[in-house]
Amino acid sequence: LREIEVGIKEKIGNKIYECIPDRR
């Protein structure tokens, strides 16, 4: 998730994102 989050932070701007390890 930390490796995915690197890319998310580059483009997310003011939009919402969450990292939730449990898929369910």
PDB file of all heavy atoms in Angstrom:
ATOM      1  N   LEU A   1       0.822  -1.213   0.000  1.00  0.00           N
ATOM      2  CA  LEU A   1       0.000   0.000   0.000  1.00  0.00           C
ATOM      3  C   LEU A   1       0.853   1.258   0.000  1.00  0.00           C
ATOM      4  O   LEU A   1       0.513   2.250  -0.657  1.00  0.00           O
ATOM      5  CB  LEU A   1      -0.937  -0.001   1.207  1.00  0.00           C
ATOM      6  CG  LEU A   1      -2.211  -0.824   1.074  1.00  0.00           C
ATOM      7  CD1 LEU A   1      -3.000  -0.800   2.368  1.00  0.00           C
ATOM      8  CD2 LEU A   1      -3.070  -0.321  -0.059  1.00  0.00           C
ATOM      9  N   ARG A   2       1.954   1.243   0.721  1.00  0.00           N
ATOM     10  CA  ARG A   2       2.833   2.419   0.740  1.00  0.00           C
ATOM     11  C   ARG A   2       3.391   2.701  -0.654  1.00  0.00           C
ATOM     12  O   ARG A   2       3.529   3.861  -1.061  1.00  0.00           O
ATOM     13  CB  ARG A   2       3.974   2.225   1.740  1.00  0.00           C
ATOM     14  CG  ARG A   2       3.547   2.312   3.199  1.00  0.00           C
ATOM     15  CD  ARG A   2       4.731   2.440   4.125  1.00  0.00           C
ATOM     16  NE  ARG A   2       5.613   1.281   4.105  1.00  0.00           N
ATOM     17  CZ  ARG A   2       5.464   0.209   4.887  1.00  0.00           C
ATOM     18  NH1 ARG A   2       4.463   0.161   5.755  1.00  0.00           N
ATOM     19  NH2 ARG A   2       6.312  -0.801   4.824  1.00  0.00           N
ATOM     20  N   GLU A   3       3.712   1.637  -1.396  1.00  0.00           N
ATOM     21  CA  GLU A   3       4.240   1.817  -2.755  1.00  0.00           C
ATOM     22  C   GLU A   3       3.161   2.328  -3.710  1.00  0.00           C
ATOM     23  O   GLU A   3       3.443   3.127  -4.609  1.00  0.00           O
ATOM     24  CB  GLU A   3       4.836   0.498  -3.251  1.00  0.00           C
ATOM     25  CG  GLU A   3       6.082   0.095  -2.473  1.00  0.00           C
ATOM     26  CD  GLU A   3       6.651  -1.254  -2.902  1.00  0.00           C
ATOM     27  OE1 GLU A   3       6.029  -1.925  -3.753  1.00  0.00           O
ATOM     28  OE2 GLU A   3       7.716  -1.646  -2.381  1.00  0.00           O
ATOM     29  N   ILE A   4       1.927   1.876  -3.523  1.00  0.00           N
ATOM     30  CA  ILE A   4       0.803   2.394  -4.316  1.00  0.00           C
ATOM     31  C   ILE A   4       0.562   3.866  -3.972  1.00  0.00           C
ATOM     32  O   ILE A   4       0.325   4.707  -4.850  1.00  0.00           O
ATOM     33  CB  ILE A   4      -0.476   1.574  -4.048  1.00  0.00           C
ATOM     34  CG1 ILE A   4      -0.319   0.134  -4.535  1.00  0.00           C
ATOM     35  CG2 ILE A   4      -1.698   2.236  -4.699  1.00  0.00           C
ATOM     36  CD1 ILE A   4      -1.452  -0.793  -4.104  1.00  0.00           C
ATOM     37  N   GLU A   5       0.636   4.182  -2.679  1.00  0.00           N
ATOM     38  CA  GLU A   5       0.316   5.522  -2.190  1.00  0.00           C
ATOM     39  C   GLU A   5       1.253   6.586  -2.752  1.00  0.00           C
ATOM     40  O   GLU A   5       0.851   7.735  -2.947  1.00  0.00           O
ATOM     41  CB  GLU A   5       0.356   5.534  -0.657  1.00  0.00           C
ATOM     42  CG  GLU A   5      -0.234   6.790  -0.041  1.00  0.00           C
ATOM     43  CD  GLU A   5      -0.242   6.735   1.478  1.00  0.00           C
ATOM     44  OE1 GLU A   5       0.481   5.890   2.064  1.00  0.00           O
ATOM     45  OE2 GLU A   5      -0.965   7.544   2.090  1.00  0.00           O
ATOM     46  N   VAL A   6       2.477   6.195  -3.059  1.00  0.00           N
ATOM     47  CA  VAL A   6       3.422   7.139  -3.670  1.00  0.00           C
ATOM     48  C   VAL A   6       2.827   7.717  -4.947  1.00  0.00           C
ATOM     49  O   VAL A   6       2.877   8.930  -5.199  1.00  0.00           O
ATOM     50  CB  VAL A   6       4.777   6.441  -3.967  1.00  0.00           C
ATOM     51  CG1 VAL A   6       5.666   7.338  -4.827  1.00  0.00           C
ATOM     52  CG2 VAL A   6       5.485   6.077  -2.671  1.00  0.00           C
ATOM     53  N   GLY A   7       2.271   6.861  -5.770  1.00  0.00           N
ATOM     54  CA  GLY A   7       1.661   7.308  -7.016  1.00  0.00           C
ATOM     55  C   GLY A   7       0.371   8.073  -6.790  1.00  0.00           C
ATOM     56  O   GLY A   7       0.088   9.065  -7.482  1.00  0.00           O
ATOM     57  N   ILE A   8      -0.442   7.631  -5.824  1.00  0.00           N
ATOM     58  CA  ILE A   8      -1.704   8.318  -5.536  1.00  0.00           C
ATOM     59  C   ILE A   8      -1.454   9.770  -5.162  1.00  0.00           C
ATOM     60  O   ILE A   8      -2.119  10.688  -5.665  1.00  0.00           O
ATOM     61  CB  ILE A   8      -2.463   7.587  -4.401  1.00  0.00           C
ATOM     62  CG1 ILE A   8      -2.948   6.215  -4.867  1.00  0.00           C
ATOM     63  CG2 ILE A   8      -3.653   8.436  -3.928  1.00  0.00           C
ATOM     64  CD1 ILE A   8      -3.595   5.392  -3.762  1.00  0.00           C
ATOM     65  N   LYS A   9      -0.480  10.007  -4.278  1.00  0.00           N
ATOM     66  CA  LYS A   9      -0.213  11.366  -3.780  1.00  0.00           C
ATOM     67  C   LYS A   9       0.220  12.313  -4.888  1.00  0.00           C
ATOM     68  O   LYS A   9      -0.002  13.523  -4.793  1.00  0.00           O
ATOM     69  CB  LYS A   9       0.852  11.315  -2.683  1.00  0.00           C
ATOM     70  CG  LYS A   9       0.347  10.733  -1.370  1.00  0.00           C
ATOM     71  CD  LYS A   9       1.436  10.733  -0.316  1.00  0.00           C
ATOM     72  CE  LYS A   9       0.906  10.265   1.027  1.00  0.00           C
ATOM     73  NZ  LYS A   9       1.973  10.240   2.065  1.00  0.00           N
ATOM     74  N   GLU A  10       0.807  11.774  -5.963  1.00  0.00           N
ATOM     75  CA  GLU A  10       1.267  12.626  -7.061  1.00  0.00           C
ATOM     76  C   GLU A  10       0.105  13.250  -7.827  1.00  0.00           C
ATOM     77  O   GLU A  10       0.255  14.328  -8.420  1.00  0.00           O
ATOM     78  CB  GLU A  10       2.128  11.815  -8.033  1.00  0.00           C
ATOM     79  CG  GLU A  10       3.475  11.394  -7.470  1.00  0.00           C
ATOM     80  CD  GLU A  10       4.277  10.582  -8.472  1.00  0.00           C
ATOM     81  OE1 GLU A  10       3.947  10.634  -9.670  1.00  0.00           O
ATOM     82  OE2 GLU A  10       5.219   9.880  -8.063  1.00  0.00           O
ATOM     83  N   LYS A  11      -1.065  12.581  -7.839  1.00  0.00           N
ATOM     84  CA  LYS A  11      -2.156  13.029  -8.697  1.00  0.00           C
ATOM     85  C   LYS A  11      -3.476  13.289  -7.968  1.00  0.00           C
ATOM     86  O   LYS A  11      -4.424  13.762  -8.579  1.00  0.00           O
ATOM     87  CB  LYS A  11      -2.416  11.975  -9.788  1.00  0.00           C
ATOM     88  CG  LYS A  11      -1.289  11.827 -10.807  1.00  0.00           C
ATOM     89  CD  LYS A  11      -1.205  13.046 -11.714  1.00  0.00           C
ATOM     90  CE  LYS A  11      -0.149  12.863 -12.785  1.00  0.00           C
ATOM     91  NZ  LYS A  11      -0.100  14.051 -13.690  1.00  0.00           N
ATOM     92  N   ILE A  12      -3.559  13.003  -6.683  1.00  0.00           N
ATOM     93  CA  ILE A  12      -4.850  13.045  -6.005  1.00  0.00           C
ATOM     94  C   ILE A  12      -5.363  14.461  -5.787  1.00  0.00           C
ATOM     95  O   ILE A  12      -6.574  14.700  -5.780  1.00  0.00           O
ATOM     96  CB  ILE A  12      -4.798  12.260  -4.674  1.00  0.00           C
ATOM     97  CG1 ILE A  12      -6.209  11.926  -4.189  1.00  0.00           C
ATOM     98  CG2 ILE A  12      -4.006  13.025  -3.630  1.00  0.00           C
ATOM     99  CD1 ILE A  12      -6.951  10.932  -5.019  1.00  0.00           C
ATOM    100  N   GLY A  13      -4.468  15.421  -5.630  1.00  0.00           N
ATOM    101  CA  GLY A  13      -4.898  16.809  -5.427  1.00  0.00           C
ATOM    102  C   GLY A  13      -5.794  16.937  -4.214  1.00  0.00           C
ATOM    103  O   GLY A  13      -5.463  16.455  -3.125  1.00  0.00           O
ATOM    104  N   ASN A  14      -6.964  17.552  -4.412  1.00  0.00           N
ATOM    105  CA  ASN A  14      -7.904  17.755  -3.305  1.00  0.00           C
ATOM    106  C   ASN A  14      -8.949  16.644  -3.202  1.00  0.00           C
ATOM    107  O   ASN A  14      -9.863  16.734  -2.389  1.00  0.00           O
ATOM    108  CB  ASN A  14      -8.617  19.106  -3.477  1.00  0.00           C
ATOM    109  CG  ASN A  14      -7.654  20.272  -3.362  1.00  0.00           C
ATOM    110  OD1 ASN A  14      -6.733  20.245  -2.548  1.00  0.00           O
ATOM    111  ND2 ASN A  14      -7.864  21.296  -4.190  1.00  0.00           N
ATOM    112  N   LYS A  15      -8.800  15.627  -4.037  1.00  0.00           N
ATOM    113  CA  LYS A  15      -9.761  14.524  -3.999  1.00  0.00           C
ATOM    114  C   LYS A  15      -9.495  13.612  -2.790  1.00  0.00           C
ATOM    115  O   LYS A  15      -8.425  13.658  -2.181  1.00  0.00           O
ATOM    116  CB  LYS A  15      -9.694  13.730  -5.302  1.00  0.00           C
ATOM    117  CG  LYS A  15     -10.177  14.522  -6.512  1.00  0.00           C
ATOM    118  CD  LYS A  15     -10.191  13.704  -7.777  1.00  0.00           C
ATOM    119  CE  LYS A  15      -8.832  13.452  -8.364  1.00  0.00           C
ATOM    120  NZ  LYS A  15      -8.870  12.849  -9.712  1.00  0.00           N
ATOM    121  N   ILE A  16     -10.448  12.775  -2.504  1.00  0.00           N
ATOM    122  CA  ILE A  16     -10.376  11.905  -1.320  1.00  0.00           C
ATOM    123  C   ILE A  16      -9.703  10.578  -1.671  1.00  0.00           C
ATOM    124  O   ILE A  16      -9.962   9.995  -2.722  1.00  0.00           O
ATOM    125  CB  ILE A  16     -11.788  11.622  -0.784  1.00  0.00           C
ATOM    126  CG1 ILE A  16     -12.455  12.918  -0.332  1.00  0.00           C
ATOM    127  CG2 ILE A  16     -11.761  10.598   0.355  1.00  0.00           C
ATOM    128  CD1 ILE A  16     -13.940  12.757  -0.025  1.00  0.00           C
ATOM    129  N   TYR A  17      -8.835  10.113  -0.777  1.00  0.00           N
ATOM    130  CA  TYR A  17      -8.332   8.740  -0.910  1.00  0.00           C
ATOM    131  C   TYR A  17      -8.133   8.146   0.470  1.00  0.00           C
ATOM    132  O   TYR A  17      -7.910   8.860   1.450  1.00  0.00           O
ATOM    133  CB  TYR A  17      -7.040   8.698  -1.727  1.00  0.00           C
ATOM    134  CG  TYR A  17      -5.760   8.916  -0.948  1.00  0.00           C
ATOM    135  CD1 TYR A  17      -5.032   7.841  -0.423  1.00  0.00           C
ATOM    136  CD2 TYR A  17      -5.280  10.207  -0.736  1.00  0.00           C
ATOM    137  CE1 TYR A  17      -3.863   8.042   0.280  1.00  0.00           C
ATOM    138  CE2 TYR A  17      -4.102  10.414  -0.030  1.00  0.00           C
ATOM    139  CZ  TYR A  17      -3.396   9.339   0.484  1.00  0.00           C
ATOM    140  OH  TYR A  17      -2.233   9.532   1.185  1.00  0.00           O
ATOM    141  N   GLU A  18      -8.238   6.836   0.550  1.00  0.00           N
ATOM    142  CA  GLU A  18      -8.004   6.102   1.793  1.00  0.00           C
ATOM    143  C   GLU A  18      -7.195   4.855   1.481  1.00  0.00           C
ATOM    144  O   GLU A  18      -7.290   4.302   0.382  1.00  0.00           O
ATOM    145  CB  GLU A  18      -9.329   5.698   2.456  1.00  0.00           C
ATOM    146  CG  GLU A  18     -10.214   6.856   2.855  1.00  0.00           C
ATOM    147  CD  GLU A  18     -11.497   6.388   3.540  1.00  0.00           C
ATOM    148  OE1 GLU A  18     -11.435   5.420   4.334  1.00  0.00           O
ATOM    149  OE2 GLU A  18     -12.555   6.988   3.273  1.00  0.00           O
ATOM    150  N   CYS A  19      -6.412   4.411   2.436  1.00  0.00           N
ATOM    151  CA  CYS A  19      -5.694   3.140   2.344  1.00  0.00           C
ATOM    152  C   CYS A  19      -6.252   2.213   3.415  1.00  0.00           C
ATOM    153  O   CYS A  19      -6.112   2.491   4.614  1.00  0.00           O
ATOM    154  CB  CYS A  19      -4.189   3.341   2.541  1.00  0.00           C
ATOM    155  SG  CYS A  19      -3.381   4.240   1.203  1.00  0.00           S
ATOM    156  N   ILE A  20      -6.894   1.141   2.986  1.00  0.00           N
ATOM    157  CA  ILE A  20      -7.524   0.194   3.909  1.00  0.00           C
ATOM    158  C   ILE A  20      -7.007  -1.198   3.576  1.00  0.00           C
ATOM    159  O   ILE A  20      -7.425  -1.791   2.572  1.00  0.00           O
ATOM    160  CB  ILE A  20      -9.064   0.250   3.784  1.00  0.00           C
ATOM    161  CG1 ILE A  20      -9.577   1.675   4.007  1.00  0.00           C
ATOM    162  CG2 ILE A  20      -9.707  -0.736   4.753  1.00  0.00           C
ATOM    163  CD1 ILE A  20     -11.078   1.846   3.789  1.00  0.00           C
ATOM    164  N   PRO A  21      -6.075  -1.745   4.357  1.00  0.00           N
ATOM    165  CA  PRO A  21      -5.461  -3.040   4.006  1.00  0.00           C
ATOM    166  C   PRO A  21      -6.452  -4.189   3.870  1.00  0.00           C
ATOM    167  O   PRO A  21      -6.284  -5.066   3.027  1.00  0.00           O
ATOM    168  CB  PRO A  21      -4.489  -3.287   5.171  1.00  0.00           C
ATOM    169  CG  PRO A  21      -4.234  -1.936   5.753  1.00  0.00           C
ATOM    170  CD  PRO A  21      -5.507  -1.169   5.567  1.00  0.00           C
ATOM    171  N   ASP A  22      -7.498  -4.206   4.706  1.00  0.00           N
ATOM    172  CA  ASP A  22      -8.485  -5.282   4.667  1.00  0.00           C
ATOM    173  C   ASP A  22      -9.417  -5.066   3.474  1.00  0.00           C
ATOM    174  O   ASP A  22     -10.179  -4.091   3.431  1.00  0.00           O
ATOM    175  CB  ASP A  22      -9.278  -5.278   5.970  1.00  0.00           C
ATOM    176  CG  ASP A  22     -10.245  -6.447   6.068  1.00  0.00           C
ATOM    177  OD1 ASP A  22     -11.203  -6.477   5.250  1.00  0.00           O
ATOM    178  OD2 ASP A  22     -10.075  -7.322   6.931  1.00  0.00           O
ATOM    179  N   ARG A  23      -9.374  -5.976   2.488  1.00  0.00           N
ATOM    180  CA  ARG A  23     -10.144  -5.780   1.258  1.00  0.00           C
ATOM    181  C   ARG A  23     -11.647  -5.754   1.528  1.00  0.00           C
ATOM    182  O   ARG A  23     -12.384  -4.986   0.905  1.00  0.00           O
ATOM    183  CB  ARG A  23      -9.796  -6.875   0.236  1.00  0.00           C
ATOM    184  CG  ARG A  23     -10.328  -6.599  -1.168  1.00  0.00           C
ATOM    185  CD  ARG A  23      -9.822  -7.610  -2.178  1.00  0.00           C
ATOM    186  NE  ARG A  23     -10.313  -7.349  -3.529  1.00  0.00           N
ATOM    187  CZ  ARG A  23      -9.687  -6.623  -4.451  1.00  0.00           C
ATOM    188  NH1 ARG A  23      -8.515  -6.071  -4.154  1.00  0.00           N
ATOM    189  NH2 ARG A  23     -10.213  -6.444  -5.648  1.00  0.00           N
ATOM    190  N   ARG A  24     -12.104  -6.580   2.432  1.00  0.00           N
ATOM    191  CA  ARG A  24     -13.530  -6.592   2.758  1.00  0.00           C
ATOM    192  C   ARG A  24     -13.950  -5.241   3.335  1.00  0.00           C
ATOM    193  O   ARG A  24     -14.981  -4.679   2.926  1.00  0.00           O
ATOM    194  CB  ARG A  24     -13.818  -7.710   3.754  1.00  0.00           C
ATOM    195  CG  ARG A  24     -15.298  -7.870   4.110  1.00  0.00           C
ATOM    196  CD  ARG A  24     -15.510  -9.081   5.039  1.00  0.00           C
ATOM    197  NE  ARG A  24     -16.922  -9.318   5.287  1.00  0.00           N
ATOM    198  CZ  ARG A  24     -17.628  -8.691   6.216  1.00  0.00           C
ATOM    199  NH1 ARG A  24     -17.033  -7.793   6.999  1.00  0.00           N
ATOM    200  NH2 ARG A  24     -18.907  -8.948   6.370  1.00  0.00           N
TER     201      ARG A  24
END
